[in-house]
């Protein structure tokens, strides 16, 4: 028999956000977010981890995800199990290519590990600029394209869910964001070699024997994220904070 929904969600609460150390390491980027009441879009929300973190800072969060099953699981976990206020945390199945139909405005947009999956990244960035309120912040985090792991990756030429590009460097962010009207306020590299290798070991065990086999190693592996510093020589991911500027009349 399969465990009940309540048991599954209780277990998920214990291990949330999961065994991916890079996801856990990105929580350090919350220091660049605003706090208090505001409207936040989590564009490409995955398992909802960063939507939940933004919600906990007092935001009203709209989380968009292309995968229907992830939206269902997020609604079940955060709204039903954890009791989040549905007026402040909403999970929607949406394609970011359809943002041209979005009429709501936002004070911040979080987009972590998403743009590298999209061929038409410039189109999406232009829509982010449109729906951000003046002075609003865009928080991007994508693979750093010069990391050996990303350099060696076979790219997804069909845009079927994999990476369509190996990532971004600072000059790529500037070429993408500044012509639209954004001002870049911060560029930070995250993901030290220790985090990368600890995650690689956990991932190998998960692929071979399943998540339960890797779970006992998680407490020791978390030390890698707790001790991680910003801006290693070759980061795994590169974060940027960009501010929407008013266009000149």
Protein backbone atom coordinates (compact mmCIF):
# COMPACT_ATOMS: atom_id res chain seq x y z
CA UNK A 1 0.00 0.00 0.00
CA UNK A 2 1.10 3.55 -0.69
CA UNK A 3 1.52 5.84 2.34
CA UNK A 4 -1.31 8.27 2.97
CA UNK A 5 -1.12 11.83 1.70
CA UNK A 6 -0.71 13.11 5.26
CA UNK A 7 2.23 10.78 5.90
CA UNK A 8 3.88 11.74 2.61
CA UNK A 9 3.53 15.44 3.35
CA UNK A 10 4.79 15.01 6.92
CA UNK A 11 7.88 13.24 5.60
CA UNK A 12 8.30 15.92 2.97
CA UNK A 13 8.21 18.60 5.68
CA UNK A 14 11.16 16.93 7.38
CA UNK A 15 13.39 16.78 4.30
CA UNK A 16 12.08 19.87 2.47
CA UNK A 17 13.30 21.32 0.15
CA UNK A 18 14.93 18.00 -0.71
CA UNK A 19 18.32 16.51 -1.41
CA UNK A 20 19.51 18.99 -4.04
CA UNK A 21 22.27 20.98 -2.32
CA UNK A 22 22.34 23.64 -5.02
CA UNK A 23 18.69 24.48 -4.35
CA UNK A 24 19.43 24.78 -0.64
CA UNK A 25 22.49 26.91 -1.34
CA UNK A 26 20.39 29.40 -3.35
CA UNK A 27 18.46 30.26 -0.20
CA UNK A 28 21.42 32.52 0.64
CA UNK A 29 20.21 34.83 -2.14
CA UNK A 30 17.15 35.81 -0.08
CA UNK A 31 19.35 38.50 1.47
CA UNK A 32 18.89 40.50 -1.74
CA UNK A 33 15.08 40.40 -1.59
CA UNK A 34 12.82 42.99 -0.06
CA UNK A 35 10.75 42.13 3.02
CA UNK A 36 7.23 42.96 4.12
CA UNK A 37 4.00 43.28 2.11
CA UNK A 38 4.63 43.32 -1.63
CA UNK A 39 3.69 41.44 -4.79
CA UNK A 40 6.17 38.79 -5.91
CA UNK A 41 6.19 36.59 -8.99
CA UNK A 42 8.13 33.34 -8.79
CA UNK A 43 8.61 32.63 -12.49
CA UNK A 44 9.32 28.93 -12.88
CA UNK A 45 8.66 27.94 -9.28
CA UNK A 46 9.76 24.29 -9.31
CA UNK A 47 8.86 22.64 -6.01
CA UNK A 48 7.81 25.99 -4.54
CA UNK A 49 10.76 26.44 -2.20
CA UNK A 50 11.52 30.06 -3.13
CA UNK A 51 7.82 30.93 -3.32
CA UNK A 52 7.53 29.70 0.26
CA UNK A 53 10.58 31.67 1.39
CA UNK A 54 9.16 34.85 -0.18
CA UNK A 55 5.78 34.17 1.44
CA UNK A 56 7.50 33.89 4.80
CA UNK A 57 8.98 37.39 4.37
CA UNK A 58 5.46 38.83 4.15
CA UNK A 59 4.95 38.86 0.37
CA UNK A 60 1.90 38.04 -1.69
CA UNK A 61 3.30 35.45 -4.09
CA UNK A 62 2.15 34.21 -7.47
CA UNK A 63 4.11 31.09 -8.42
CA UNK A 64 4.04 30.04 -12.07
CA UNK A 65 5.05 26.56 -13.16
CA UNK A 66 4.77 24.84 -16.53
CA UNK A 67 4.39 21.38 -14.94
CA UNK A 68 0.82 20.63 -13.85
CA UNK A 69 1.83 17.89 -11.38
CA UNK A 70 4.19 20.27 -9.56
CA UNK A 71 1.40 22.83 -9.25
CA UNK A 72 -0.91 20.18 -7.78
CA UNK A 73 1.74 19.00 -5.32
CA UNK A 74 2.61 22.57 -4.29
CA UNK A 75 -1.02 23.46 -3.62
CA UNK A 76 -1.46 20.28 -1.60
CA UNK A 77 1.74 20.74 0.41
CA UNK A 78 1.80 24.48 1.10
CA UNK A 79 -1.88 25.35 1.23
CA UNK A 80 -3.43 22.20 2.68
CA UNK A 81 -0.60 20.69 4.71
CA UNK A 82 1.32 23.80 5.85
CA UNK A 83 -1.73 26.06 6.01
CA UNK A 84 -0.48 28.93 3.85
CA UNK A 85 -2.98 31.73 3.19
CA UNK A 86 -4.32 31.18 -0.37
CA UNK A 87 -4.81 34.94 -0.67
CA UNK A 88 -1.05 35.36 -0.35
CA UNK A 89 0.33 32.23 -2.02
CA UNK A 90 -1.02 31.05 -5.35
CA UNK A 91 0.37 28.33 -7.60
CA UNK A 92 -0.61 28.55 -11.26
CA UNK A 93 0.15 26.37 -14.27
CA UNK A 94 1.52 28.89 -16.75
CA UNK A 95 3.96 29.03 -19.66
CA UNK A 96 6.35 31.98 -19.36
CA UNK A 97 6.04 32.50 -23.10
CA UNK A 98 2.43 33.54 -22.40
CA UNK A 99 3.37 36.43 -20.10
CA UNK A 100 2.26 38.91 -22.76
CA UNK A 101 -1.28 38.23 -21.51
CA UNK A 102 -0.37 38.97 -17.88
CA UNK A 103 -2.04 42.13 -16.56
CA UNK A 104 -0.94 42.00 -12.91
CA UNK A 105 1.96 44.11 -11.69
CA UNK A 106 4.74 42.96 -9.35
CA UNK A 107 7.29 44.53 -7.05
CA UNK A 108 9.76 41.67 -7.41
CA UNK A 109 10.31 38.75 -9.77
CA UNK A 110 12.27 35.66 -8.79
CA UNK A 111 13.49 33.53 -11.67
CA UNK A 112 15.96 30.88 -10.52
CA UNK A 113 17.42 28.25 -12.85
CA UNK A 114 14.83 28.85 -15.58
CA UNK A 115 16.20 31.07 -18.37
CA UNK A 116 18.74 28.45 -19.45
CA UNK A 117 15.77 26.27 -20.46
CA UNK A 118 14.26 28.94 -22.74
CA UNK A 119 15.42 29.80 -26.23
CA UNK A 120 13.51 33.09 -26.27
CA UNK A 121 15.03 34.45 -23.10
CA UNK A 122 15.01 38.03 -24.41
CA UNK A 123 11.28 37.85 -24.98
CA UNK A 124 10.69 36.69 -21.41
CA UNK A 125 12.99 39.37 -19.98
CA UNK A 126 11.06 42.05 -21.88
CA UNK A 127 7.83 40.80 -20.30
CA UNK A 128 9.44 40.78 -16.87
CA UNK A 129 10.33 44.44 -17.39
CA UNK A 130 6.77 45.27 -18.49
CA UNK A 131 5.03 43.69 -15.48
CA UNK A 132 7.51 44.97 -12.89
CA UNK A 133 6.55 48.21 -11.20
CA UNK A 134 9.02 51.11 -11.41
CA UNK A 135 11.87 50.46 -9.01
CA UNK A 136 10.99 46.77 -8.89
CA UNK A 137 13.69 44.12 -8.63
CA UNK A 138 14.38 41.16 -10.89
CA UNK A 139 16.32 38.32 -9.26
CA UNK A 140 17.93 35.94 -11.75
CA UNK A 141 20.06 32.91 -10.99
CA UNK A 142 21.30 30.66 -13.77
CA UNK A 143 24.20 28.27 -14.38
CA UNK A 144 27.56 29.99 -14.75
CA UNK A 145 28.48 29.06 -18.28
CA UNK A 146 32.23 28.71 -17.62
CA UNK A 147 31.80 26.02 -14.95
CA UNK A 148 33.24 22.71 -16.26
CA UNK A 149 29.98 20.87 -15.49
CA UNK A 150 27.99 23.20 -17.73
CA UNK A 151 30.68 23.40 -20.40
CA UNK A 152 30.53 19.61 -20.79
CA UNK A 153 26.74 19.39 -20.94
CA UNK A 154 24.94 18.20 -24.07
CA UNK A 155 22.41 20.93 -24.79
CA UNK A 156 18.72 20.40 -25.48
CA UNK A 157 18.26 21.65 -29.04
CA UNK A 158 14.53 20.83 -28.98
CA UNK A 159 13.70 22.88 -25.87
CA UNK A 160 12.13 19.78 -24.35
CA UNK A 161 13.05 20.49 -20.72
CA UNK A 162 16.85 20.47 -20.66
CA UNK A 163 19.31 23.34 -20.91
CA UNK A 164 19.26 25.10 -24.27
CA UNK A 165 22.42 27.02 -23.35
CA UNK A 166 25.24 26.31 -20.94
CA UNK A 167 24.38 29.35 -18.85
CA UNK A 168 25.36 32.98 -18.49
CA UNK A 169 28.33 35.10 -17.50
CA UNK A 170 28.14 38.70 -16.26
CA UNK A 171 28.54 40.11 -19.76
CA UNK A 172 25.63 37.96 -20.95
CA UNK A 173 23.39 39.29 -18.19
CA UNK A 174 24.32 42.86 -19.08
CA UNK A 175 23.64 42.30 -22.79
CA UNK A 176 20.30 40.73 -21.91
CA UNK A 177 19.06 43.18 -19.28
CA UNK A 178 20.48 46.63 -19.88
CA UNK A 179 19.06 47.21 -23.40
CA UNK A 180 15.55 46.58 -22.01
CA UNK A 181 16.01 49.24 -19.33
CA UNK A 182 17.24 47.33 -16.29
CA UNK A 183 20.07 48.56 -14.10
CA UNK A 184 22.21 45.77 -12.68
CA UNK A 185 22.74 46.26 -8.96
CA UNK A 186 24.57 43.06 -8.01
CA UNK A 187 26.27 40.06 -9.60
CA UNK A 188 27.17 37.24 -7.23
CA UNK A 189 28.59 33.80 -7.89
CA UNK A 190 27.41 30.92 -5.69
CA UNK A 191 28.15 27.22 -5.50
CA UNK A 192 31.62 26.41 -4.20
CA UNK A 193 33.56 23.30 -5.29
CA UNK A 194 32.68 21.68 -1.95
CA UNK A 195 28.95 22.16 -2.56
CA UNK A 196 29.32 20.88 -6.12
CA UNK A 197 31.16 17.69 -5.15
CA UNK A 198 28.91 16.96 -2.15
CA UNK A 199 25.85 17.32 -4.38
CA UNK A 200 27.45 15.15 -7.05
CA UNK A 201 28.01 12.33 -4.51
CA UNK A 202 24.44 12.56 -3.22
CA UNK A 203 23.10 12.58 -6.78
CA UNK A 204 25.11 9.49 -7.72
CA UNK A 205 23.72 7.59 -4.73
CA UNK A 206 20.18 8.73 -5.53
CA UNK A 207 20.50 7.64 -9.15
CA UNK A 208 21.86 4.24 -8.17
CA UNK A 209 19.91 3.38 -5.03
CA UNK A 210 17.16 5.97 -4.61
CA UNK A 211 16.55 8.97 -2.36
CA UNK A 212 16.14 6.93 0.83
CA UNK A 213 19.67 5.58 0.44
CA UNK A 214 21.09 9.11 0.18
CA UNK A 215 19.00 10.58 2.99
CA UNK A 216 21.28 9.48 5.88
CA UNK A 217 24.14 11.43 4.28
CA UNK A 218 22.15 14.67 4.04
CA UNK A 219 23.09 16.09 7.50
CA UNK A 220 26.79 15.78 6.70
CA UNK A 221 26.31 17.15 3.18
CA UNK A 222 24.47 20.19 4.52
CA UNK A 223 27.71 21.33 6.12
CA UNK A 224 28.90 22.16 2.60
CA UNK A 225 26.06 24.66 2.13
CA UNK A 226 26.40 26.13 5.63
CA UNK A 227 30.08 26.84 5.07
CA UNK A 228 29.71 28.00 1.48
CA UNK A 229 30.94 31.48 0.65
CA UNK A 230 29.97 33.76 -2.23
CA UNK A 231 31.98 34.45 -5.37
CA UNK A 232 34.21 31.38 -5.63
CA UNK A 233 36.66 31.51 -8.53
CA UNK A 234 34.44 29.29 -10.70
CA UNK A 235 30.90 29.37 -9.25
CA UNK A 236 28.29 26.78 -10.14
CA UNK A 237 25.59 29.45 -10.62
CA UNK A 238 25.59 33.19 -11.20
CA UNK A 239 23.02 35.49 -9.59
CA UNK A 240 22.14 39.02 -10.60
CA UNK A 241 19.77 41.61 -9.17
CA UNK A 242 18.43 44.09 -11.69
CA UNK A 243 16.21 47.12 -11.06
CA UNK A 244 13.56 48.41 -13.42
CA UNK A 245 14.25 51.99 -14.46
CA UNK A 246 11.69 54.36 -15.89
CA UNK A 247 12.23 54.98 -19.58
CA UNK A 248 12.93 58.55 -20.56
CA UNK A 249 9.84 60.28 -22.00
